[in-house]
Amino acid sequence: MVSERKISKIRKRDGRTVDFDQEKITKAVWAAAQAVGGRDRSLAERLSDQVVAILEQRFPARTPTVENVQDIVEKVLIEDGHARTAKAYILYRKQHETLRKIKTTFLEVERIVSDYLSQVDWRVRENSNIGYSMSGLLLHVAGSVVANYTLDRIYPMEVADAHRNG
């Protein structure tokens, strides 16, 4: 393991900055290696050291993000000839991205329902065609979910961002 780290913080996906923990990289690489039959944890530690060395080189004065770290882990695994481990790592990363999106979608629906019930959303007050009722709630939630789905899955990211950010 690297004795004197230059990387001391990392930026999480939610924007928080937390202490950097190299052991998390080692554990992730080790888990991916085990998924494809790997048995040498010390190799995971050496690969983790390589990741940290690249991070220190690329981010001497900035705080890397979780995404930066994960991208470098993939690069190190592939370049060191661990394609099967890299594939397992990439699939794991994709699964967690999907889980985050599901959680975000659930929280978004929860917010939409709460906004309707508390009449915070201006569309609830301004739509004279729909009464404040259970059917109005269902229509409001369905419309909001379809709108968000369209922005996330159909429109290009630039268009969706322009719509959301005004």
N, C-alpha and C. Protein backbone atom coordinates (compact mmCIF):
# COMPACT_ATOMS: atom_id res chain seq x y z
N MET A 1 0.84 -1.18 0.00
CA MET A 1 0.00 0.00 0.00
C MET A 1 0.89 1.25 0.00
N VAL A 2 0.36 2.32 -0.53
CA VAL A 2 1.10 3.57 -0.60
C VAL A 2 1.19 4.15 0.81
N SER A 3 2.41 4.50 1.24
CA SER A 3 2.58 4.96 2.62
C SER A 3 2.18 6.42 2.81
N GLU A 4 2.60 7.29 1.93
CA GLU A 4 2.27 8.71 2.09
C GLU A 4 1.44 9.15 0.89
N ARG A 5 0.15 9.30 1.14
CA ARG A 5 -0.77 9.63 0.06
C ARG A 5 -0.87 11.12 -0.17
N LYS A 6 -0.96 11.46 -1.45
CA LYS A 6 -1.24 12.85 -1.81
C LYS A 6 -2.75 13.04 -1.93
N ILE A 7 -3.45 11.96 -2.27
CA ILE A 7 -4.91 12.02 -2.39
C ILE A 7 -5.48 11.78 -0.99
N SER A 8 -6.15 12.78 -0.45
CA SER A 8 -6.71 12.62 0.90
C SER A 8 -8.23 12.71 0.91
N LYS A 9 -8.81 13.25 -0.16
CA LYS A 9 -10.27 13.42 -0.23
C LYS A 9 -10.78 12.91 -1.56
N ILE A 10 -12.07 12.62 -1.60
CA ILE A 10 -12.73 12.20 -2.83
C ILE A 10 -14.13 12.81 -2.84
N ARG A 11 -14.61 13.18 -4.03
CA ARG A 11 -15.94 13.78 -4.15
C ARG A 11 -16.93 12.69 -4.54
N LYS A 12 -17.95 12.54 -3.69
CA LYS A 12 -18.99 11.54 -3.93
C LYS A 12 -19.95 12.05 -5.01
N ARG A 13 -20.81 11.16 -5.47
CA ARG A 13 -21.76 11.52 -6.53
C ARG A 13 -22.73 12.61 -6.09
N ASP A 14 -23.03 12.66 -4.81
CA ASP A 14 -23.98 13.66 -4.31
C ASP A 14 -23.31 15.00 -4.02
N GLY A 15 -22.00 15.11 -4.33
CA GLY A 15 -21.29 16.36 -4.17
C GLY A 15 -20.51 16.48 -2.87
N ARG A 16 -20.77 15.59 -1.92
CA ARG A 16 -20.03 15.64 -0.66
C ARG A 16 -18.57 15.27 -0.89
N THR A 17 -17.69 15.85 -0.09
CA THR A 17 -16.28 15.49 -0.10
C THR A 17 -16.00 14.70 1.17
N VAL A 18 -15.42 13.51 1.01
CA VAL A 18 -15.14 12.63 2.15
C VAL A 18 -13.68 12.19 2.10
N ASP A 19 -13.23 11.60 3.19
CA ASP A 19 -11.86 11.09 3.25
C ASP A 19 -11.67 9.98 2.21
N PHE A 20 -10.53 10.00 1.56
CA PHE A 20 -10.17 8.98 0.59
C PHE A 20 -9.76 7.72 1.34
N ASP A 21 -10.25 6.57 0.88
CA ASP A 21 -9.93 5.29 1.51
C ASP A 21 -9.52 4.29 0.43
N GLN A 22 -8.22 4.06 0.30
CA GLN A 22 -7.71 3.16 -0.73
C GLN A 22 -8.25 1.74 -0.54
N GLU A 23 -8.55 1.36 0.67
CA GLU A 23 -9.05 0.01 0.93
C GLU A 23 -10.34 -0.25 0.16
N LYS A 24 -11.13 0.78 -0.08
CA LYS A 24 -12.37 0.60 -0.86
C LYS A 24 -12.05 0.18 -2.29
N ILE A 25 -10.98 0.73 -2.85
CA ILE A 25 -10.56 0.34 -4.20
C ILE A 25 -10.11 -1.11 -4.18
N THR A 26 -9.28 -1.45 -3.19
CA THR A 26 -8.79 -2.82 -3.08
C THR A 26 -9.95 -3.80 -2.96
N LYS A 27 -10.92 -3.49 -2.11
CA LYS A 27 -12.08 -4.38 -1.92
C LYS A 27 -12.88 -4.54 -3.20
N ALA A 28 -13.06 -3.44 -3.95
CA ALA A 28 -13.82 -3.51 -5.20
C ALA A 28 -13.09 -4.37 -6.23
N VAL A 29 -11.79 -4.18 -6.35
CA VAL A 29 -11.00 -4.98 -7.30
C VAL A 29 -11.01 -6.44 -6.86
N TRP A 30 -10.85 -6.67 -5.58
CA TRP A 30 -10.83 -8.04 -5.05
C TRP A 30 -12.19 -8.72 -5.29
N ALA A 31 -13.28 -8.02 -5.06
CA ALA A 31 -14.62 -8.59 -5.29
C ALA A 31 -14.80 -8.95 -6.76
N ALA A 32 -14.36 -8.07 -7.66
CA ALA A 32 -14.47 -8.35 -9.10
C ALA A 32 -13.61 -9.55 -9.47
N ALA A 33 -12.41 -9.63 -8.90
CA ALA A 33 -11.51 -10.76 -9.18
C ALA A 33 -12.11 -12.07 -8.68
N GLN A 34 -12.66 -12.05 -7.48
CA GLN A 34 -13.28 -13.26 -6.93
C GLN A 34 -14.46 -13.72 -7.78
N ALA A 35 -15.18 -12.77 -8.35
CA ALA A 35 -16.34 -13.11 -9.18
C ALA A 35 -15.94 -13.93 -10.41
N VAL A 36 -14.69 -13.80 -10.82
CA VAL A 36 -14.22 -14.56 -12.00
C VAL A 36 -13.16 -15.60 -11.61
N GLY A 37 -13.13 -15.96 -10.33
CA GLY A 37 -12.25 -17.03 -9.88
C GLY A 37 -10.90 -16.58 -9.35
N GLY A 38 -10.68 -15.29 -9.17
CA GLY A 38 -9.41 -14.80 -8.64
C GLY A 38 -9.19 -15.23 -7.20
N ARG A 39 -7.91 -15.49 -6.86
CA ARG A 39 -7.62 -15.98 -5.51
C ARG A 39 -6.49 -15.22 -4.83
N ASP A 40 -5.95 -14.19 -5.49
CA ASP A 40 -4.76 -13.50 -4.97
C ASP A 40 -5.12 -12.08 -4.54
N ARG A 41 -5.43 -11.91 -3.24
CA ARG A 41 -5.80 -10.58 -2.76
C ARG A 41 -4.64 -9.60 -2.86
N SER A 42 -3.43 -10.09 -2.74
CA SER A 42 -2.28 -9.19 -2.82
C SER A 42 -2.18 -8.56 -4.21
N LEU A 43 -2.65 -9.26 -5.23
CA LEU A 43 -2.69 -8.68 -6.58
C LEU A 43 -3.68 -7.51 -6.61
N ALA A 44 -4.81 -7.67 -5.95
CA ALA A 44 -5.79 -6.58 -5.86
C ALA A 44 -5.17 -5.37 -5.16
N GLU A 45 -4.36 -5.61 -4.15
CA GLU A 45 -3.69 -4.51 -3.45
C GLU A 45 -2.69 -3.81 -4.36
N ARG A 46 -1.93 -4.58 -5.15
CA ARG A 46 -0.97 -3.97 -6.07
C ARG A 46 -1.68 -3.16 -7.15
N LEU A 47 -2.79 -3.68 -7.66
CA LEU A 47 -3.57 -2.95 -8.67
C LEU A 47 -4.14 -1.66 -8.06
N SER A 48 -4.57 -1.75 -6.82
CA SER A 48 -5.07 -0.58 -6.10
C SER A 48 -3.97 0.47 -5.96
N ASP A 49 -2.74 0.03 -5.67
CA ASP A 49 -1.60 0.95 -5.60
C ASP A 49 -1.40 1.66 -6.94
N GLN A 50 -1.55 0.92 -8.03
CA GLN A 50 -1.40 1.53 -9.37
C GLN A 50 -2.48 2.59 -9.59
N VAL A 51 -3.69 2.29 -9.18
CA VAL A 51 -4.80 3.24 -9.32
C VAL A 51 -4.47 4.52 -8.55
N VAL A 52 -4.01 4.38 -7.32
CA VAL A 52 -3.68 5.55 -6.50
C VAL A 52 -2.54 6.35 -7.13
N ALA A 53 -1.54 5.66 -7.67
CA ALA A 53 -0.42 6.36 -8.32
C ALA A 53 -0.92 7.20 -9.50
N ILE A 54 -1.84 6.65 -10.29
CA ILE A 54 -2.40 7.40 -11.42
C ILE A 54 -3.24 8.57 -10.92
N LEU A 55 -4.02 8.34 -9.88
CA LEU A 55 -4.82 9.43 -9.29
C LEU A 55 -3.92 10.58 -8.83
N GLU A 56 -2.83 10.23 -8.16
CA GLU A 56 -1.91 11.27 -7.67
C GLU A 56 -1.27 12.03 -8.82
N GLN A 57 -1.03 11.33 -9.91
CA GLN A 57 -0.44 11.98 -11.09
C GLN A 57 -1.46 12.90 -11.77
N ARG A 58 -2.69 12.42 -11.91
CA ARG A 58 -3.72 13.19 -12.64
C ARG A 58 -4.39 14.27 -11.80
N PHE A 59 -4.39 14.12 -10.50
CA PHE A 59 -5.10 15.06 -9.62
C PHE A 59 -4.17 15.58 -8.52
N PRO A 60 -3.08 16.23 -8.91
CA PRO A 60 -2.14 16.71 -7.89
C PRO A 60 -2.72 17.82 -7.01
N ALA A 61 -3.61 18.63 -7.56
CA ALA A 61 -4.14 19.77 -6.81
C ALA A 61 -5.66 19.79 -6.77
N ARG A 62 -6.29 18.74 -7.29
CA ARG A 62 -7.75 18.68 -7.30
C ARG A 62 -8.23 17.42 -6.59
N THR A 63 -9.49 17.44 -6.22
CA THR A 63 -10.10 16.28 -5.58
C THR A 63 -10.76 15.42 -6.65
N PRO A 64 -10.35 14.16 -6.77
CA PRO A 64 -10.98 13.30 -7.77
C PRO A 64 -12.39 12.92 -7.35
N THR A 65 -13.20 12.55 -8.33
CA THR A 65 -14.56 12.09 -8.06
C THR A 65 -14.57 10.56 -8.03
N VAL A 66 -15.65 10.02 -7.51
CA VAL A 66 -15.83 8.56 -7.52
C VAL A 66 -15.74 8.05 -8.95
N GLU A 67 -16.35 8.77 -9.89
CA GLU A 67 -16.30 8.37 -11.30
C GLU A 67 -14.87 8.35 -11.83
N ASN A 68 -14.07 9.35 -11.46
CA ASN A 68 -12.66 9.38 -11.87
C ASN A 68 -11.95 8.11 -11.40
N VAL A 69 -12.15 7.77 -10.15
CA VAL A 69 -11.50 6.60 -9.57
C VAL A 69 -11.95 5.33 -10.30
N GLN A 70 -13.25 5.19 -10.51
CA GLN A 70 -13.76 3.99 -11.17
C GLN A 70 -13.25 3.87 -12.60
N ASP A 71 -13.17 4.98 -13.30
CA ASP A 71 -12.62 4.96 -14.67
C ASP A 71 -11.17 4.48 -14.66
N ILE A 72 -10.40 4.95 -13.69
CA ILE A 72 -8.99 4.56 -13.61
C ILE A 72 -8.86 3.08 -13.22
N VAL A 73 -9.73 2.60 -12.34
CA VAL A 73 -9.72 1.18 -11.98
C VAL A 73 -9.93 0.34 -13.24
N GLU A 74 -10.91 0.69 -14.05
CA GLU A 74 -11.16 -0.04 -15.30
C GLU A 74 -9.92 -0.03 -16.18
N LYS A 75 -9.33 1.14 -16.34
CA LYS A 75 -8.14 1.31 -17.19
C LYS A 75 -7.00 0.42 -16.71
N VAL A 76 -6.73 0.43 -15.41
CA VAL A 76 -5.64 -0.37 -14.84
C VAL A 76 -5.92 -1.86 -15.05
N LEU A 77 -7.14 -2.29 -14.79
CA LEU A 77 -7.47 -3.71 -14.96
C LEU A 77 -7.26 -4.15 -16.41
N ILE A 78 -7.73 -3.35 -17.34
CA ILE A 78 -7.61 -3.70 -18.76
C ILE A 78 -6.16 -3.68 -19.21
N GLU A 79 -5.45 -2.61 -18.87
CA GLU A 79 -4.06 -2.47 -19.33
C GLU A 79 -3.13 -3.50 -18.69
N ASP A 80 -3.49 -4.00 -17.51
CA ASP A 80 -2.66 -5.02 -16.86
C ASP A 80 -3.06 -6.44 -17.26
N GLY A 81 -3.98 -6.55 -18.22
CA GLY A 81 -4.34 -7.87 -18.74
C GLY A 81 -5.38 -8.63 -17.93
N HIS A 82 -6.16 -7.92 -17.15
CA HIS A 82 -7.19 -8.56 -16.33
C HIS A 82 -8.57 -8.27 -16.92
N ALA A 83 -8.76 -8.69 -18.16
CA ALA A 83 -9.99 -8.36 -18.90
C ALA A 83 -11.23 -8.95 -18.23
N ARG A 84 -11.15 -10.18 -17.75
CA ARG A 84 -12.32 -10.80 -17.11
C ARG A 84 -12.69 -10.07 -15.82
N THR A 85 -11.68 -9.68 -15.06
CA THR A 85 -11.93 -8.92 -13.83
C THR A 85 -12.49 -7.55 -14.18
N ALA A 86 -11.95 -6.94 -15.22
CA ALA A 86 -12.46 -5.63 -15.67
C ALA A 86 -13.92 -5.74 -16.06
N LYS A 87 -14.27 -6.81 -16.77
CA LYS A 87 -15.66 -6.99 -17.20
C LYS A 87 -16.57 -7.14 -15.97
N ALA A 88 -16.14 -7.93 -14.99
CA ALA A 88 -16.93 -8.10 -13.77
C ALA A 88 -17.08 -6.76 -13.05
N TYR A 89 -16.02 -5.99 -13.00
CA TYR A 89 -16.05 -4.67 -12.35
C TYR A 89 -17.00 -3.74 -13.09
N ILE A 90 -16.93 -3.73 -14.40
CA ILE A 90 -17.79 -2.86 -15.22
C ILE A 90 -19.26 -3.25 -15.04
N LEU A 91 -19.54 -4.56 -15.04
CA LEU A 91 -20.92 -5.02 -14.85
C LEU A 91 -21.44 -4.63 -13.46
N TYR A 92 -20.60 -4.78 -12.45
CA TYR A 92 -20.97 -4.39 -11.09
C TYR A 92 -21.27 -2.90 -11.04
N ARG A 93 -20.41 -2.13 -11.68
CA ARG A 93 -20.59 -0.67 -11.73
C ARG A 93 -21.91 -0.32 -12.41
N LYS A 94 -22.22 -1.00 -13.50
CA LYS A 94 -23.47 -0.76 -14.24
C LYS A 94 -24.69 -1.13 -13.39
N GLN A 95 -24.60 -2.25 -12.67
CA GLN A 95 -25.71 -2.65 -11.80
C GLN A 95 -25.98 -1.59 -10.73
N HIS A 96 -24.92 -1.06 -10.16
CA HIS A 96 -25.10 -0.04 -9.13
C HIS A 96 -25.63 1.26 -9.71
N GLU A 97 -25.25 1.58 -10.93
CA GLU A 97 -25.82 2.76 -11.60
C GLU A 97 -27.32 2.58 -11.78
N THR A 98 -27.72 1.38 -12.19
CA THR A 98 -29.15 1.08 -12.37
C THR A 98 -29.88 1.20 -11.03
N LEU A 99 -29.29 0.67 -9.97
CA LEU A 99 -29.91 0.76 -8.64
C LEU A 99 -30.05 2.21 -8.19
N ARG A 100 -29.03 3.02 -8.47
CA ARG A 100 -29.11 4.45 -8.10
C ARG A 100 -30.25 5.12 -8.87
N LYS A 101 -30.39 4.79 -10.15
CA LYS A 101 -31.47 5.39 -10.95
C LYS A 101 -32.83 4.96 -10.43
N ILE A 102 -32.96 3.70 -10.05
CA ILE A 102 -34.24 3.22 -9.50
C ILE A 102 -34.56 3.97 -8.21
N LYS A 103 -33.56 4.12 -7.35
CA LYS A 103 -33.77 4.84 -6.09
C LYS A 103 -34.15 6.29 -6.36
N THR A 104 -33.47 6.92 -7.31
CA THR A 104 -33.77 8.30 -7.66
C THR A 104 -35.20 8.41 -8.20
N THR A 105 -35.59 7.46 -9.04
CA THR A 105 -36.95 7.47 -9.60
C THR A 105 -37.98 7.33 -8.49
N PHE A 106 -37.73 6.43 -7.55
CA PHE A 106 -38.65 6.24 -6.44
C PHE A 106 -38.77 7.52 -5.62
N LEU A 107 -37.64 8.14 -5.31
CA LEU A 107 -37.66 9.38 -4.53
C LEU A 107 -38.36 10.50 -5.30
N GLU A 108 -38.18 10.52 -6.61
CA GLU A 108 -38.84 11.53 -7.45
C GLU A 108 -40.36 11.34 -7.41
N VAL A 109 -40.83 10.10 -7.51
CA VAL A 109 -42.27 9.82 -7.45
C VAL A 109 -42.80 10.21 -6.08
N GLU A 110 -42.05 9.90 -5.03
CA GLU A 110 -42.46 10.27 -3.68
C GLU A 110 -42.61 11.79 -3.56
N ARG A 111 -41.67 12.54 -4.14
CA ARG A 111 -41.73 14.00 -4.11
C ARG A 111 -42.93 14.50 -4.91
N ILE A 112 -43.20 13.90 -6.06
CA ILE A 112 -44.33 14.31 -6.90
C ILE A 112 -45.64 14.13 -6.13
N VAL A 113 -45.79 12.99 -5.46
CA VAL A 113 -47.01 12.73 -4.69
C VAL A 113 -47.12 13.74 -3.54
N SER A 114 -46.02 13.96 -2.83
CA SER A 114 -46.04 14.92 -1.71
C SER A 114 -46.38 16.32 -2.19
N ASP A 115 -45.80 16.72 -3.32
CA ASP A 115 -46.10 18.05 -3.87
C ASP A 115 -47.57 18.17 -4.24
N TYR A 116 -48.14 17.11 -4.79
CA TYR A 116 -49.55 17.13 -5.16
C TYR A 116 -50.41 17.25 -3.89
N LEU A 117 -50.12 16.40 -2.92
CA LEU A 117 -50.94 16.39 -1.71
C LEU A 117 -50.85 17.70 -0.93
N SER A 118 -49.70 18.33 -0.96
CA SER A 118 -49.56 19.61 -0.26
C SER A 118 -49.86 20.80 -1.17
N GLN A 119 -50.23 20.51 -2.39
CA GLN A 119 -50.56 21.51 -3.41
C GLN A 119 -49.43 22.51 -3.63
N VAL A 120 -48.20 22.02 -3.55
CA VAL A 120 -47.02 22.85 -3.79
C VAL A 120 -46.81 23.06 -5.28
N ASP A 121 -47.05 22.02 -6.08
CA ASP A 121 -46.83 22.10 -7.52
C ASP A 121 -47.88 23.01 -8.14
N TRP A 122 -47.44 24.03 -8.85
CA TRP A 122 -48.36 25.01 -9.43
C TRP A 122 -49.35 24.37 -10.41
N ARG A 123 -48.96 23.25 -11.01
CA ARG A 123 -49.84 22.58 -11.98
C ARG A 123 -51.10 22.05 -11.31
N VAL A 124 -51.01 21.72 -10.03
CA VAL A 124 -52.17 21.22 -9.30
C VAL A 124 -53.22 22.32 -9.19
N ARG A 125 -52.78 23.54 -8.89
CA ARG A 125 -53.72 24.66 -8.71
C ARG A 125 -54.21 25.21 -10.04
N GLU A 126 -53.39 25.18 -11.07
CA GLU A 126 -53.70 25.85 -12.33
C GLU A 126 -54.51 25.02 -13.32
N ASN A 127 -54.61 23.72 -13.11
CA ASN A 127 -55.34 22.88 -14.07
C ASN A 127 -56.81 22.80 -13.67
N SER A 128 -57.64 23.57 -14.33
CA SER A 128 -59.07 23.61 -13.99
C SER A 128 -59.82 22.38 -14.51
N ASN A 129 -59.17 21.56 -15.32
CA ASN A 129 -59.83 20.37 -15.86
C ASN A 129 -59.77 19.18 -14.90
N ILE A 130 -58.90 19.24 -13.93
CA ILE A 130 -58.72 18.12 -13.01
C ILE A 130 -58.96 18.60 -11.59
N GLY A 131 -59.80 17.89 -10.88
CA GLY A 131 -60.05 18.23 -9.48
C GLY A 131 -58.97 17.66 -8.58
N TYR A 132 -58.90 18.21 -7.38
CA TYR A 132 -57.96 17.72 -6.38
C TYR A 132 -58.58 16.48 -5.77
N SER A 133 -58.16 15.30 -6.29
CA SER A 133 -58.78 14.04 -5.91
C SER A 133 -57.80 12.90 -6.15
N MET A 134 -58.23 11.69 -5.85
CA MET A 134 -57.39 10.52 -6.11
C MET A 134 -57.13 10.39 -7.60
N SER A 135 -58.18 10.60 -8.44
CA SER A 135 -57.94 10.51 -9.90
C SER A 135 -57.02 11.62 -10.36
N GLY A 136 -57.14 12.80 -9.76
CA GLY A 136 -56.24 13.89 -10.11
C GLY A 136 -54.80 13.55 -9.73
N LEU A 137 -54.64 12.92 -8.57
CA LEU A 137 -53.31 12.48 -8.13
C LEU A 137 -52.72 11.48 -9.12
N LEU A 138 -53.52 10.49 -9.51
CA LEU A 138 -53.03 9.48 -10.45
C LEU A 138 -52.64 10.11 -11.78
N LEU A 139 -53.45 11.01 -12.28
CA LEU A 139 -53.14 11.68 -13.54
C LEU A 139 -51.88 12.54 -13.41
N HIS A 140 -51.77 13.25 -12.30
CA HIS A 140 -50.60 14.11 -12.06
C HIS A 140 -49.32 13.27 -11.99
N VAL A 141 -49.35 12.18 -11.22
CA VAL A 141 -48.16 11.32 -11.08
C VAL A 141 -47.81 10.70 -12.42
N ALA A 142 -48.80 10.17 -13.13
CA ALA A 142 -48.52 9.55 -14.43
C ALA A 142 -47.92 10.55 -15.40
N GLY A 143 -48.47 11.75 -15.45
CA GLY A 143 -47.94 12.77 -16.35
C GLY A 143 -46.51 13.15 -16.01
N SER A 144 -46.23 13.29 -14.71
CA SER A 144 -44.88 13.66 -14.28
C SER A 144 -43.88 12.55 -14.56
N VAL A 145 -44.27 11.30 -14.31
CA VAL A 145 -43.38 10.16 -14.55
C VAL A 145 -43.08 10.04 -16.04
N VAL A 146 -44.10 10.17 -16.89
CA VAL A 146 -43.88 10.10 -18.34
C VAL A 146 -42.99 11.25 -18.80
N ALA A 147 -43.20 12.43 -18.27
CA ALA A 147 -42.36 13.58 -18.64
C ALA A 147 -40.91 13.32 -18.26
N ASN A 148 -40.67 12.82 -17.06
CA ASN A 148 -39.30 12.53 -16.63
C ASN A 148 -38.69 11.40 -17.45
N TYR A 149 -39.48 10.38 -17.76
CA TYR A 149 -38.98 9.28 -18.59
C TYR A 149 -38.56 9.81 -19.96
N THR A 150 -39.39 10.66 -20.53
CA THR A 150 -39.09 11.24 -21.84
C THR A 150 -37.80 12.05 -21.80
N LEU A 151 -37.64 12.84 -20.76
CA LEU A 151 -36.41 13.64 -20.63
C LEU A 151 -35.18 12.75 -20.44
N ASP A 152 -35.33 11.67 -19.66
CA ASP A 152 -34.19 10.80 -19.37
C ASP A 152 -33.84 9.84 -20.50
N ARG A 153 -34.84 9.37 -21.24
CA ARG A 153 -34.60 8.29 -22.18
C ARG A 153 -34.77 8.63 -23.65
N ILE A 154 -35.48 9.70 -23.96
CA ILE A 154 -35.78 9.98 -25.37
C ILE A 154 -35.02 11.19 -25.87
N TYR A 155 -35.09 12.29 -25.14
CA TYR A 155 -34.41 13.50 -25.59
C TYR A 155 -32.91 13.40 -25.36
N PRO A 156 -32.12 14.08 -26.20
CA PRO A 156 -30.68 14.15 -25.94
C PRO A 156 -30.43 14.84 -24.60
N MET A 157 -29.32 14.50 -23.96
CA MET A 157 -29.00 15.03 -22.64
C MET A 157 -29.01 16.56 -22.63
N GLU A 158 -28.51 17.18 -23.70
CA GLU A 158 -28.46 18.64 -23.75
C GLU A 158 -29.86 19.25 -23.71
N VAL A 159 -30.79 18.63 -24.42
CA VAL A 159 -32.17 19.12 -24.45
C VAL A 159 -32.82 18.94 -23.07
N ALA A 160 -32.61 17.76 -22.48
CA ALA A 160 -33.18 17.50 -21.16
C ALA A 160 -32.62 18.47 -20.12
N ASP A 161 -31.31 18.71 -20.17
CA ASP A 161 -30.70 19.66 -19.23
C ASP A 161 -31.24 21.07 -19.43
N ALA A 162 -31.40 21.47 -20.69
CA ALA A 162 -31.94 22.81 -20.98
C ALA A 162 -33.36 22.93 -20.43
N HIS A 163 -34.16 21.88 -20.58
CA HIS A 163 -35.53 21.90 -20.08
C HIS A 163 -35.54 21.99 -18.55
N ARG A 164 -34.73 21.16 -17.91
CA ARG A 164 -34.73 21.12 -16.44
C ARG A 164 -34.13 22.37 -15.81
N ASN A 165 -33.14 22.95 -16.48
CA ASN A 165 -32.43 24.09 -15.89
C ASN A 165 -32.91 25.43 -16.41
N GLY A 166 -33.93 25.40 -17.22
CA GLY A 166 -34.57 26.62 -17.57
C GLY A 166 -34.26 27.31 -18.81
